[in-house]
Amino acid sequence: MWWQILTLLQILLALSPGSYAEKMLRPKFKEIKTWSEEKWVSHKVTYDNADPHLNFSMEVHQELHDVDIHVEVRITNKLDPYYSSSLNSTINICRLLNYANKSPVGRFVHGFIREFGSIVENCPIAKRKYKFHHLRFNRKLQGSYFINKFWWPEDPTIAILPEVEFDIRFEAQLLDANKKRTMLMNDHIHGDFIVQDVNNLKPGIFAMLPKNR
């Protein structure tokens, strides 16, 4: 009798949607280097390739009034490096928050990220503390900046894209009254987007859209 029950359970598991492996283009982080100006701020970024989620924590030691974010991204086709794309952009974080508050798209994206922890909401950025190992509690802590277990939405259709290498450089720069810049963060992330067989497909971009109630 017991083996019949076991066989039935195996059949049900085999028929469950989560058991089907789907080919997905997912990132594999090879290197994450982070640097902080500890006088002002400290932060940490981790990523688990086995269970793809991003964890970020930040501790602000002094109030930050005006901060620019500079991002450089380069994506290269692994089979033919001739084909590549790059992004080089700088944006003021206060303007970015203003966009998040006023734009419908900004509110949508900002609200989605906010579900994963406590993020910067206003300028100036207040002095707050957060210890990274508390992330395991998976709850919002008062007076903390962090993003816990964050994963960007994905769709299986992107698996048809070629595998690529990516190189990301992220800087945060403090501007004083005279617009003199002080480096706060200087991160470098390198890795690949490779096709993998996964059975934990995350909801796609259309699943992020608001549902009618």
N, C-alpha and C. Protein backbone atom coordinates (compact mmCIF):
# COMPACT_ATOMS: atom_id res chain seq x y z
N MET A 1 0.82 -1.20 0.00
CA MET A 1 0.00 0.00 0.00
C MET A 1 0.86 1.26 0.00
N TRP A 2 1.94 1.22 0.81
CA TRP A 2 2.77 2.41 0.94
C TRP A 2 3.45 2.77 -0.36
N TRP A 3 3.85 1.71 -1.14
CA TRP A 3 4.53 2.02 -2.40
C TRP A 3 3.57 2.61 -3.41
N GLN A 4 2.27 2.23 -3.33
CA GLN A 4 1.28 2.83 -4.22
C GLN A 4 1.10 4.32 -3.92
N ILE A 5 1.09 4.65 -2.61
CA ILE A 5 0.98 6.05 -2.23
C ILE A 5 2.20 6.82 -2.69
N LEU A 6 3.38 6.22 -2.52
CA LEU A 6 4.62 6.86 -2.95
C LEU A 6 4.63 7.10 -4.45
N THR A 7 4.17 6.08 -5.21
CA THR A 7 4.11 6.23 -6.67
C THR A 7 3.16 7.34 -7.08
N LEU A 8 2.01 7.43 -6.40
CA LEU A 8 1.04 8.48 -6.69
C LEU A 8 1.63 9.86 -6.42
N LEU A 9 2.35 10.00 -5.30
CA LEU A 9 2.99 11.28 -4.98
C LEU A 9 4.01 11.66 -6.03
N GLN A 10 4.78 10.69 -6.51
CA GLN A 10 5.79 10.97 -7.54
C GLN A 10 5.13 11.45 -8.83
N ILE A 11 3.99 10.84 -9.17
CA ILE A 11 3.26 11.25 -10.38
C ILE A 11 2.74 12.67 -10.25
N LEU A 12 2.19 12.99 -9.06
CA LEU A 12 1.66 14.34 -8.83
C LEU A 12 2.77 15.37 -8.89
N LEU A 13 3.93 15.04 -8.32
CA LEU A 13 5.06 15.97 -8.36
C LEU A 13 5.54 16.17 -9.79
N ALA A 14 5.53 15.08 -10.56
CA ALA A 14 5.98 15.18 -11.95
C ALA A 14 5.05 16.03 -12.78
N LEU A 15 3.74 16.03 -12.40
CA LEU A 15 2.76 16.80 -13.14
C LEU A 15 2.65 18.23 -12.68
N SER A 16 3.25 18.57 -11.55
CA SER A 16 3.13 19.93 -11.02
C SER A 16 3.91 20.89 -11.89
N PRO A 17 3.41 22.15 -12.10
CA PRO A 17 4.07 23.10 -12.99
C PRO A 17 5.49 23.42 -12.58
N GLY A 18 5.75 23.46 -11.27
CA GLY A 18 7.08 23.83 -10.82
C GLY A 18 8.15 22.80 -11.11
N SER A 19 7.73 21.58 -11.50
CA SER A 19 8.71 20.53 -11.72
C SER A 19 9.29 20.57 -13.12
N TYR A 20 8.65 21.30 -14.03
CA TYR A 20 9.14 21.36 -15.39
C TYR A 20 10.28 22.37 -15.48
N ALA A 21 11.43 21.91 -15.94
CA ALA A 21 12.56 22.80 -16.13
C ALA A 21 12.36 23.59 -17.42
N GLU A 22 12.62 24.88 -17.36
CA GLU A 22 12.52 25.74 -18.52
C GLU A 22 13.87 26.40 -18.75
N LYS A 23 14.22 26.57 -20.01
CA LYS A 23 15.48 27.22 -20.32
C LYS A 23 15.33 28.72 -20.14
N MET A 24 16.21 29.30 -19.34
CA MET A 24 16.14 30.72 -19.04
C MET A 24 17.52 31.34 -19.19
N LEU A 25 17.53 32.59 -19.58
CA LEU A 25 18.77 33.36 -19.62
C LEU A 25 18.91 34.06 -18.28
N ARG A 26 19.82 33.57 -17.45
CA ARG A 26 19.98 34.10 -16.09
C ARG A 26 21.41 34.54 -15.84
N PRO A 27 21.59 35.53 -14.98
CA PRO A 27 22.94 36.01 -14.70
C PRO A 27 23.71 35.06 -13.79
N LYS A 28 24.98 34.97 -14.03
CA LYS A 28 25.89 34.26 -13.14
C LYS A 28 27.00 35.25 -12.78
N PHE A 29 27.01 35.70 -11.54
CA PHE A 29 27.95 36.71 -11.11
C PHE A 29 29.30 36.06 -10.84
N LYS A 30 30.33 36.54 -11.54
CA LYS A 30 31.68 36.02 -11.34
C LYS A 30 32.45 36.81 -10.29
N GLU A 31 32.15 38.10 -10.21
CA GLU A 31 32.92 38.96 -9.31
C GLU A 31 32.07 40.15 -8.86
N ILE A 32 32.06 40.39 -7.57
CA ILE A 32 31.39 41.56 -7.00
C ILE A 32 32.39 42.27 -6.09
N LYS A 33 32.81 43.46 -6.50
CA LYS A 33 33.73 44.25 -5.69
C LYS A 33 33.00 45.51 -5.22
N THR A 34 33.00 45.76 -3.94
CA THR A 34 32.36 46.95 -3.40
C THR A 34 33.35 47.77 -2.59
N TRP A 35 33.18 49.08 -2.65
CA TRP A 35 34.01 49.99 -1.86
C TRP A 35 33.14 51.12 -1.34
N SER A 36 33.36 51.51 -0.09
CA SER A 36 32.62 52.61 0.52
C SER A 36 33.56 53.57 1.20
N GLU A 37 33.22 54.85 1.18
CA GLU A 37 33.91 55.85 1.99
C GLU A 37 33.28 55.77 3.39
N GLU A 38 33.97 55.07 4.29
CA GLU A 38 33.38 54.72 5.58
C GLU A 38 33.05 55.94 6.44
N LYS A 39 33.63 57.07 6.14
CA LYS A 39 33.30 58.27 6.89
C LYS A 39 31.83 58.64 6.68
N TRP A 40 31.31 58.35 5.50
CA TRP A 40 29.95 58.74 5.15
C TRP A 40 28.97 57.58 5.12
N VAL A 41 29.40 56.47 4.54
CA VAL A 41 28.46 55.38 4.29
C VAL A 41 29.22 54.06 4.17
N SER A 42 28.54 52.96 4.48
CA SER A 42 29.07 51.63 4.21
C SER A 42 27.94 50.78 3.63
N HIS A 43 28.30 49.83 2.78
CA HIS A 43 27.26 49.02 2.15
C HIS A 43 27.81 47.66 1.78
N LYS A 44 26.90 46.75 1.44
CA LYS A 44 27.29 45.39 1.08
C LYS A 44 26.31 44.85 0.05
N VAL A 45 26.84 44.12 -0.94
CA VAL A 45 26.02 43.51 -1.98
C VAL A 45 26.41 42.04 -2.07
N THR A 46 25.42 41.15 -2.03
CA THR A 46 25.68 39.72 -2.20
C THR A 46 24.67 39.14 -3.18
N TYR A 47 25.07 38.03 -3.80
CA TYR A 47 24.22 37.36 -4.77
C TYR A 47 24.49 35.87 -4.70
N ASP A 48 23.42 35.08 -4.72
CA ASP A 48 23.53 33.63 -4.66
C ASP A 48 23.18 33.06 -6.02
N ASN A 49 24.16 32.47 -6.72
CA ASN A 49 23.91 31.92 -8.04
C ASN A 49 22.98 30.71 -8.00
N ALA A 50 22.99 29.96 -6.89
CA ALA A 50 22.15 28.77 -6.78
C ALA A 50 20.69 29.14 -6.58
N ASP A 51 20.44 30.17 -5.80
CA ASP A 51 19.07 30.65 -5.55
C ASP A 51 19.06 32.13 -5.89
N PRO A 52 18.86 32.46 -7.17
CA PRO A 52 19.17 33.81 -7.66
C PRO A 52 18.36 34.92 -7.00
N HIS A 53 18.94 35.51 -5.99
CA HIS A 53 18.38 36.68 -5.35
C HIS A 53 19.51 37.63 -4.99
N LEU A 54 19.19 38.90 -5.00
CA LEU A 54 20.15 39.94 -4.68
C LEU A 54 19.84 40.50 -3.29
N ASN A 55 20.86 40.63 -2.46
CA ASN A 55 20.73 41.26 -1.15
C ASN A 55 21.62 42.50 -1.11
N PHE A 56 21.06 43.60 -0.61
CA PHE A 56 21.79 44.86 -0.52
C PHE A 56 21.51 45.47 0.85
N SER A 57 22.55 45.97 1.49
CA SER A 57 22.36 46.69 2.76
C SER A 57 23.26 47.91 2.77
N MET A 58 22.80 48.97 3.44
CA MET A 58 23.54 50.23 3.48
C MET A 58 23.37 50.87 4.85
N GLU A 59 24.46 51.41 5.36
CA GLU A 59 24.46 52.15 6.62
C GLU A 59 24.98 53.56 6.36
N VAL A 60 24.16 54.54 6.62
CA VAL A 60 24.53 55.94 6.40
C VAL A 60 25.02 56.53 7.71
N HIS A 61 26.28 56.98 7.74
CA HIS A 61 26.89 57.48 8.97
C HIS A 61 26.68 58.98 9.16
N GLN A 62 26.49 59.71 8.06
CA GLN A 62 26.21 61.15 8.13
C GLN A 62 25.14 61.48 7.10
N GLU A 63 24.29 62.43 7.43
CA GLU A 63 23.21 62.81 6.53
C GLU A 63 23.76 63.26 5.17
N LEU A 64 23.14 62.76 4.10
CA LEU A 64 23.59 63.05 2.74
C LEU A 64 22.56 63.97 2.07
N HIS A 65 23.00 65.17 1.68
CA HIS A 65 22.06 66.16 1.14
C HIS A 65 21.92 66.10 -0.37
N ASP A 66 22.99 65.79 -1.08
CA ASP A 66 22.95 65.84 -2.54
C ASP A 66 23.87 64.76 -3.09
N VAL A 67 23.30 63.76 -3.77
CA VAL A 67 24.08 62.61 -4.23
C VAL A 67 23.78 62.33 -5.69
N ASP A 68 24.82 62.15 -6.49
CA ASP A 68 24.71 61.69 -7.87
C ASP A 68 25.02 60.20 -7.94
N ILE A 69 24.30 59.51 -8.81
CA ILE A 69 24.58 58.10 -9.09
C ILE A 69 25.07 57.99 -10.52
N HIS A 70 26.22 57.37 -10.69
CA HIS A 70 26.81 57.18 -12.03
C HIS A 70 26.89 55.68 -12.31
N VAL A 71 26.36 55.27 -13.46
CA VAL A 71 26.34 53.85 -13.83
C VAL A 71 26.93 53.68 -15.22
N GLU A 72 27.84 52.73 -15.36
CA GLU A 72 28.37 52.33 -16.65
C GLU A 72 28.11 50.83 -16.83
N VAL A 73 27.47 50.48 -17.92
CA VAL A 73 27.14 49.08 -18.20
C VAL A 73 27.61 48.73 -19.60
N ARG A 74 28.27 47.60 -19.72
CA ARG A 74 28.68 47.10 -21.04
C ARG A 74 28.25 45.64 -21.15
N ILE A 75 27.55 45.31 -22.24
CA ILE A 75 27.08 43.95 -22.50
C ILE A 75 27.66 43.49 -23.83
N THR A 76 28.30 42.31 -23.82
CA THR A 76 29.02 41.82 -25.00
C THR A 76 28.57 40.41 -25.34
N ASN A 77 28.31 40.17 -26.63
CA ASN A 77 27.97 38.83 -27.10
C ASN A 77 29.16 37.90 -26.90
N LYS A 78 28.95 36.77 -26.22
CA LYS A 78 30.06 35.86 -25.92
C LYS A 78 30.60 35.18 -27.17
N LEU A 79 29.75 34.96 -28.16
CA LEU A 79 30.19 34.29 -29.37
C LEU A 79 30.86 35.24 -30.34
N ASP A 80 30.47 36.50 -30.32
CA ASP A 80 31.04 37.49 -31.23
C ASP A 80 31.15 38.82 -30.50
N PRO A 81 32.31 39.10 -29.89
CA PRO A 81 32.48 40.33 -29.11
C PRO A 81 32.27 41.61 -29.91
N TYR A 82 32.22 41.48 -31.25
CA TYR A 82 31.98 42.67 -32.07
C TYR A 82 30.62 43.29 -31.73
N TYR A 83 29.67 42.43 -31.35
CA TYR A 83 28.34 42.90 -31.01
C TYR A 83 28.28 43.21 -29.52
N SER A 84 28.12 44.48 -29.20
CA SER A 84 28.09 44.90 -27.81
C SER A 84 27.21 46.13 -27.65
N SER A 85 26.77 46.36 -26.43
CA SER A 85 25.98 47.54 -26.10
C SER A 85 26.54 48.16 -24.83
N SER A 86 26.39 49.46 -24.69
CA SER A 86 26.93 50.12 -23.52
C SER A 86 25.98 51.23 -23.06
N LEU A 87 26.05 51.52 -21.78
CA LEU A 87 25.26 52.58 -21.17
C LEU A 87 26.17 53.36 -20.24
N ASN A 88 26.09 54.67 -20.33
CA ASN A 88 26.87 55.54 -19.45
C ASN A 88 25.97 56.68 -19.03
N SER A 89 25.55 56.68 -17.76
CA SER A 89 24.54 57.65 -17.34
C SER A 89 24.80 58.11 -15.91
N THR A 90 24.48 59.38 -15.66
CA THR A 90 24.56 59.95 -14.32
C THR A 90 23.23 60.62 -14.00
N ILE A 91 22.71 60.36 -12.81
CA ILE A 91 21.43 60.95 -12.40
C ILE A 91 21.50 61.33 -10.94
N ASN A 92 20.86 62.44 -10.61
CA ASN A 92 20.81 62.89 -9.23
C ASN A 92 19.73 62.10 -8.48
N ILE A 93 20.08 61.58 -7.32
CA ILE A 93 19.16 60.70 -6.61
C ILE A 93 17.90 61.44 -6.16
N CYS A 94 18.01 62.73 -5.86
CA CYS A 94 16.83 63.50 -5.47
C CYS A 94 15.87 63.65 -6.66
N ARG A 95 16.41 63.87 -7.86
CA ARG A 95 15.57 63.93 -9.05
C ARG A 95 14.95 62.57 -9.32
N LEU A 96 15.72 61.51 -9.08
CA LEU A 96 15.20 60.17 -9.28
C LEU A 96 14.03 59.88 -8.35
N LEU A 97 14.15 60.28 -7.09
CA LEU A 97 13.05 60.09 -6.14
C LEU A 97 11.85 60.94 -6.51
N ASN A 98 12.10 62.12 -7.03
CA ASN A 98 11.00 62.98 -7.46
C ASN A 98 10.25 62.33 -8.62
N TYR A 99 11.00 61.70 -9.53
CA TYR A 99 10.39 60.97 -10.64
C TYR A 99 9.56 59.80 -10.12
N ALA A 100 10.08 59.11 -9.12
CA ALA A 100 9.36 57.97 -8.56
C ALA A 100 8.06 58.39 -7.91
N ASN A 101 8.03 59.60 -7.35
CA ASN A 101 6.83 60.07 -6.67
C ASN A 101 5.77 60.62 -7.63
N LYS A 102 6.20 61.17 -8.77
CA LYS A 102 5.27 61.86 -9.66
C LYS A 102 4.88 61.07 -10.90
N SER A 103 5.76 60.20 -11.36
CA SER A 103 5.48 59.46 -12.58
C SER A 103 4.74 58.15 -12.26
N PRO A 104 3.70 57.79 -13.03
CA PRO A 104 3.03 56.50 -12.81
C PRO A 104 3.98 55.32 -12.95
N VAL A 105 4.87 55.37 -13.96
CA VAL A 105 5.85 54.30 -14.14
C VAL A 105 6.83 54.29 -12.96
N GLY A 106 7.26 55.49 -12.55
CA GLY A 106 8.18 55.58 -11.43
C GLY A 106 7.57 55.04 -10.15
N ARG A 107 6.30 55.37 -9.90
CA ARG A 107 5.63 54.86 -8.70
C ARG A 107 5.50 53.35 -8.75
N PHE A 108 5.25 52.81 -9.94
CA PHE A 108 5.11 51.38 -10.12
C PHE A 108 6.42 50.65 -9.80
N VAL A 109 7.52 51.10 -10.40
CA VAL A 109 8.82 50.46 -10.19
C VAL A 109 9.28 50.67 -8.74
N HIS A 110 9.13 51.89 -8.24
CA HIS A 110 9.57 52.20 -6.88
C HIS A 110 8.78 51.36 -5.87
N GLY A 111 7.48 51.22 -6.09
CA GLY A 111 6.67 50.42 -5.19
C GLY A 111 7.02 48.95 -5.24
N PHE A 112 7.38 48.46 -6.43
CA PHE A 112 7.78 47.06 -6.57
C PHE A 112 9.05 46.77 -5.78
N ILE A 113 10.05 47.65 -5.91
CA ILE A 113 11.31 47.45 -5.19
C ILE A 113 11.09 47.60 -3.69
N ARG A 114 10.21 48.51 -3.31
CA ARG A 114 9.98 48.77 -1.88
C ARG A 114 9.42 47.55 -1.16
N GLU A 115 8.80 46.62 -1.89
CA GLU A 115 8.27 45.41 -1.28
C GLU A 115 9.36 44.53 -0.69
N PHE A 116 10.61 44.75 -1.13
CA PHE A 116 11.69 43.86 -0.72
C PHE A 116 12.52 44.42 0.43
N GLY A 117 12.09 45.52 1.02
CA GLY A 117 12.85 46.03 2.16
C GLY A 117 12.57 47.50 2.39
N SER A 118 13.53 48.15 3.00
CA SER A 118 13.43 49.57 3.31
C SER A 118 14.43 50.32 2.45
N ILE A 119 13.93 51.19 1.57
CA ILE A 119 14.80 51.88 0.63
C ILE A 119 14.71 53.38 0.86
N VAL A 120 15.62 54.11 0.22
CA VAL A 120 15.65 55.56 0.35
C VAL A 120 14.36 56.14 -0.22
N GLU A 121 13.69 56.99 0.55
CA GLU A 121 12.41 57.56 0.14
C GLU A 121 12.50 59.06 -0.12
N ASN A 122 13.39 59.76 0.62
CA ASN A 122 13.41 61.22 0.55
C ASN A 122 14.84 61.74 0.59
N CYS A 123 14.99 62.99 0.18
CA CYS A 123 16.24 63.73 0.34
C CYS A 123 16.02 64.83 1.37
N PRO A 124 17.01 65.13 2.21
CA PRO A 124 18.31 64.44 2.29
C PRO A 124 18.16 63.02 2.84
N ILE A 125 19.17 62.20 2.55
CA ILE A 125 19.16 60.80 3.01
C ILE A 125 19.58 60.78 4.47
N ALA A 126 18.69 60.30 5.31
CA ALA A 126 18.91 60.37 6.75
C ALA A 126 20.00 59.42 7.22
N LYS A 127 20.62 59.78 8.33
CA LYS A 127 21.60 58.92 8.98
C LYS A 127 20.87 57.74 9.61
N ARG A 128 21.19 56.54 9.17
CA ARG A 128 20.55 55.33 9.68
C ARG A 128 21.55 54.19 9.71
N LYS A 129 21.23 53.18 10.49
CA LYS A 129 22.12 52.04 10.63
C LYS A 129 21.36 50.75 10.35
N TYR A 130 22.11 49.80 9.76
CA TYR A 130 21.51 48.50 9.51
C TYR A 130 22.61 47.44 9.50
N LYS A 131 22.40 46.35 10.19
CA LYS A 131 23.37 45.24 10.20
C LYS A 131 22.91 44.17 9.23
N PHE A 132 23.83 43.76 8.35
CA PHE A 132 23.48 42.93 7.22
C PHE A 132 22.90 41.57 7.63
N HIS A 133 23.41 40.96 8.72
CA HIS A 133 22.98 39.61 9.04
C HIS A 133 21.53 39.55 9.49
N HIS A 134 20.91 40.70 9.74
CA HIS A 134 19.49 40.70 10.13
C HIS A 134 18.57 40.42 8.96
N LEU A 135 19.13 40.34 7.75
CA LEU A 135 18.30 40.11 6.58
C LEU A 135 17.52 38.80 6.67
N ARG A 136 18.01 37.86 7.43
CA ARG A 136 17.35 36.57 7.49
C ARG A 136 15.95 36.66 8.10
N PHE A 137 15.66 37.73 8.82
CA PHE A 137 14.34 37.86 9.42
C PHE A 137 13.28 38.24 8.40
N ASN A 138 13.72 38.72 7.24
CA ASN A 138 12.80 39.02 6.14
C ASN A 138 11.66 39.92 6.59
N ARG A 139 11.97 40.99 7.29
CA ARG A 139 10.95 41.94 7.70
C ARG A 139 11.53 43.34 7.65
N LYS A 140 10.67 44.32 7.59
CA LYS A 140 11.12 45.70 7.52
C LYS A 140 11.53 46.17 8.90
N LEU A 141 12.76 46.65 9.01
CA LEU A 141 13.27 47.13 10.29
C LEU A 141 13.24 48.65 10.30
N GLN A 142 12.84 49.22 11.39
CA GLN A 142 12.76 50.66 11.51
C GLN A 142 14.14 51.29 11.39
N GLY A 143 14.24 52.32 10.56
CA GLY A 143 15.50 53.04 10.43
C GLY A 143 16.58 52.28 9.71
N SER A 144 16.24 51.58 8.60
CA SER A 144 17.25 50.81 7.88
C SER A 144 17.07 50.98 6.38
N TYR A 145 18.17 50.84 5.64
CA TYR A 145 18.12 50.82 4.18
C TYR A 145 18.60 49.46 3.74
N PHE A 146 17.74 48.69 3.09
CA PHE A 146 18.16 47.40 2.60
C PHE A 146 17.18 46.88 1.57
N ILE A 147 17.65 45.99 0.71
CA ILE A 147 16.80 45.26 -0.22
C ILE A 147 17.11 43.79 0.00
N ASN A 148 16.11 43.01 0.36
CA ASN A 148 16.32 41.62 0.75
C ASN A 148 15.59 40.68 -0.21
N LYS A 149 16.29 39.69 -0.71
CA LYS A 149 15.72 38.66 -1.57
C LYS A 149 15.03 39.29 -2.79
N PHE A 150 15.73 40.21 -3.45
CA PHE A 150 15.17 40.88 -4.62
C PHE A 150 15.51 40.10 -5.88
N TRP A 151 14.50 39.92 -6.74
CA TRP A 151 14.73 39.29 -8.04
C TRP A 151 13.94 40.01 -9.10
N TRP A 152 14.58 40.35 -10.21
CA TRP A 152 13.89 41.07 -11.29
C TRP A 152 13.00 40.08 -12.06
N PRO A 153 11.85 40.52 -12.51
CA PRO A 153 10.93 39.62 -13.23
C PRO A 153 11.55 39.11 -14.52
N GLU A 154 11.14 37.93 -14.94
CA GLU A 154 11.71 37.33 -16.14
C GLU A 154 10.62 36.59 -16.91
N ASP A 155 10.87 36.40 -18.20
CA ASP A 155 9.97 35.64 -19.07
C ASP A 155 10.78 34.59 -19.81
N PRO A 156 10.21 33.40 -20.01
CA PRO A 156 10.99 32.34 -20.67
C PRO A 156 11.35 32.66 -22.11
N THR A 157 10.65 33.60 -22.74
CA THR A 157 10.93 33.92 -24.13
C THR A 157 12.32 34.51 -24.32
N ILE A 158 12.89 35.09 -23.26
CA ILE A 158 14.20 35.71 -23.44
C ILE A 158 15.31 34.67 -23.57
N ALA A 159 14.98 33.39 -23.38
CA ALA A 159 15.99 32.35 -23.51
C ALA A 159 16.51 32.23 -24.94
N ILE A 160 15.81 32.83 -25.92
CA ILE A 160 16.27 32.74 -27.30
C ILE A 160 17.42 33.71 -27.56
N LEU A 161 17.69 34.62 -26.63
CA LEU A 161 18.76 35.58 -26.81
C LEU A 161 20.11 34.91 -26.65
N PRO A 162 21.16 35.45 -27.29
CA PRO A 162 22.49 34.85 -27.15
C PRO A 162 23.06 35.10 -25.76
N GLU A 163 23.93 34.21 -25.32
CA GLU A 163 24.58 34.40 -24.03
C GLU A 163 25.54 35.58 -24.12
N VAL A 164 25.59 36.37 -23.06
CA VAL A 164 26.38 37.60 -23.09
C VAL A 164 27.17 37.73 -21.80
N GLU A 165 28.23 38.54 -21.88
CA GLU A 165 28.97 38.97 -20.70
C GLU A 165 28.51 40.36 -20.31
N PHE A 166 28.51 40.65 -19.02
CA PHE A 166 28.14 41.99 -18.59
C PHE A 166 29.18 42.52 -17.61
N ASP A 167 29.37 43.81 -17.67
CA ASP A 167 30.30 44.50 -16.79
C ASP A 167 29.62 45.77 -16.30
N ILE A 168 29.44 45.90 -15.00
CA ILE A 168 28.71 47.02 -14.41
C ILE A 168 29.61 47.77 -13.44
N ARG A 169 29.69 49.06 -13.61
CA ARG A 169 30.41 49.92 -12.67
C ARG A 169 29.41 50.93 -12.10
N PHE A 170 29.36 50.98 -10.78
CA PHE A 170 28.40 51.83 -10.08
C PHE A 170 29.14 52.75 -9.13
N GLU A 171 28.82 54.04 -9.21
CA GLU A 171 29.42 55.02 -8.32
C GLU A 171 28.33 55.88 -7.68
N ALA A 172 28.52 56.23 -6.43
CA ALA A 172 27.69 57.23 -5.76
C ALA A 172 28.62 58.35 -5.32
N GLN A 173 28.27 59.59 -5.67
CA GLN A 173 29.14 60.73 -5.41
C GLN A 173 28.38 61.81 -4.63
N LEU A 174 28.99 62.27 -3.55
CA LEU A 174 28.40 63.32 -2.73
C LEU A 174 28.79 64.69 -3.30
N LEU A 175 27.82 65.59 -3.43
CA LEU A 175 28.08 66.94 -3.91
C LEU A 175 27.89 67.92 -2.76
N ASP A 176 28.90 68.79 -2.55
CA ASP A 176 28.76 69.79 -1.51
C ASP A 176 28.15 71.06 -2.09
N ALA A 177 28.11 72.14 -1.32
CA ALA A 177 27.47 73.39 -1.75
C ALA A 177 28.13 73.97 -2.99
N ASN A 178 29.42 73.68 -3.18
CA ASN A 178 30.16 74.17 -4.34
C ASN A 178 30.22 73.14 -5.47
N LYS A 179 29.42 72.08 -5.36
CA LYS A 179 29.37 71.00 -6.34
C LYS A 179 30.68 70.22 -6.43
N LYS A 180 31.47 70.29 -5.37
CA LYS A 180 32.66 69.46 -5.31
C LYS A 180 32.24 68.04 -4.98
N ARG A 181 32.85 67.06 -5.67
CA ARG A 181 32.41 65.67 -5.55
C ARG A 181 33.31 64.87 -4.61
N THR A 182 32.65 64.04 -3.81
CA THR A 182 33.35 63.08 -2.95
C THR A 182 32.79 61.70 -3.24
N MET A 183 33.67 60.75 -3.56
CA MET A 183 33.22 59.40 -3.88
C MET A 183 32.70 58.72 -2.62
N LEU A 184 31.46 58.21 -2.68
CA LEU A 184 30.87 57.49 -1.56
C LEU A 184 30.92 55.97 -1.77
N MET A 185 30.60 55.54 -2.98
CA MET A 185 30.61 54.12 -3.32
C MET A 185 31.26 53.95 -4.69
N ASN A 186 31.94 52.84 -4.84
CA ASN A 186 32.57 52.52 -6.12
C ASN A 186 32.56 50.99 -6.27
N ASP A 187 31.57 50.49 -7.01
CA ASP A 187 31.37 49.05 -7.12
C ASP A 187 31.65 48.58 -8.55
N HIS A 188 32.09 47.32 -8.64
CA HIS A 188 32.33 46.70 -9.94
C HIS A 188 31.75 45.29 -9.90
N ILE A 189 30.84 45.01 -10.83
CA ILE A 189 30.19 43.70 -10.89
C ILE A 189 30.41 43.13 -12.29
N HIS A 190 30.87 41.88 -12.33
CA HIS A 190 31.17 41.24 -13.61
C HIS A 190 30.58 39.83 -13.63
N GLY A 191 30.05 39.43 -14.80
CA GLY A 191 29.49 38.08 -14.90
C GLY A 191 28.96 37.79 -16.28
N ASP A 192 28.18 36.71 -16.37
CA ASP A 192 27.59 36.27 -17.64
C ASP A 192 26.09 36.12 -17.49
N PHE A 193 25.39 36.29 -18.61
CA PHE A 193 24.03 35.82 -18.73
C PHE A 193 24.08 34.52 -19.53
N ILE A 194 23.77 33.40 -18.90
CA ILE A 194 23.87 32.10 -19.55
C ILE A 194 22.51 31.40 -19.53
N VAL A 195 22.29 30.54 -20.52
CA VAL A 195 21.06 29.76 -20.60
C VAL A 195 21.14 28.62 -19.60
N GLN A 196 20.14 28.54 -18.73
CA GLN A 196 20.10 27.51 -17.69
C GLN A 196 18.74 26.83 -17.69
N ASP A 197 18.73 25.57 -17.26
CA ASP A 197 17.48 24.86 -17.02
C ASP A 197 17.04 25.18 -15.60
N VAL A 198 15.91 25.85 -15.46
CA VAL A 198 15.44 26.27 -14.14
C VAL A 198 14.02 25.77 -13.93
N ASN A 199 13.68 25.51 -12.69
CA ASN A 199 12.30 25.14 -12.34
C ASN A 199 11.72 26.09 -11.31
N ASN A 200 12.35 27.25 -11.17
CA ASN A 200 11.83 28.27 -10.25
C ASN A 200 11.71 29.60 -10.99
N LEU A 201 11.04 29.53 -12.14
CA LEU A 201 10.85 30.73 -12.96
C LEU A 201 10.11 31.80 -12.19
N LYS A 202 10.66 33.01 -12.19
CA LYS A 202 10.03 34.12 -11.50
C LYS A 202 8.96 34.76 -12.40
N PRO A 203 7.96 35.42 -11.82
CA PRO A 203 6.91 36.03 -12.64
C PRO A 203 7.49 37.01 -13.64
N GLY A 204 6.96 36.97 -14.87
CA GLY A 204 7.44 37.84 -15.93
C GLY A 204 6.98 39.27 -15.77
N ILE A 205 7.39 40.12 -16.72
CA ILE A 205 7.12 41.54 -16.62
C ILE A 205 5.62 41.82 -16.62
N PHE A 206 4.83 41.01 -17.33
CA PHE A 206 3.39 41.24 -17.37
C PHE A 206 2.73 40.91 -16.04
N ALA A 207 3.36 40.02 -15.27
CA ALA A 207 2.81 39.69 -13.96
C ALA A 207 2.98 40.84 -12.98
N MET A 208 3.85 41.80 -13.30
CA MET A 208 4.06 42.94 -12.44
C MET A 208 2.95 43.98 -12.56
N LEU A 209 2.21 43.93 -13.64
CA LEU A 209 1.19 44.95 -13.88
C LEU A 209 0.09 44.86 -12.84
N PRO A 210 -0.49 46.00 -12.46
CA PRO A 210 -1.54 45.98 -11.44
C PRO A 210 -2.73 45.13 -11.88
N LYS A 211 -3.29 44.42 -10.92
CA LYS A 211 -4.44 43.55 -11.19
C LYS A 211 -5.73 44.31 -10.91
N ASN A 212 -6.75 44.06 -11.72
CA ASN A 212 -8.07 44.65 -11.47
C ASN A 212 -8.72 43.98 -10.28
N ARG A 213 -9.25 44.78 -9.39
CA ARG A 213 -9.88 44.23 -8.19
C ARG A 213 -11.39 44.45 -8.21
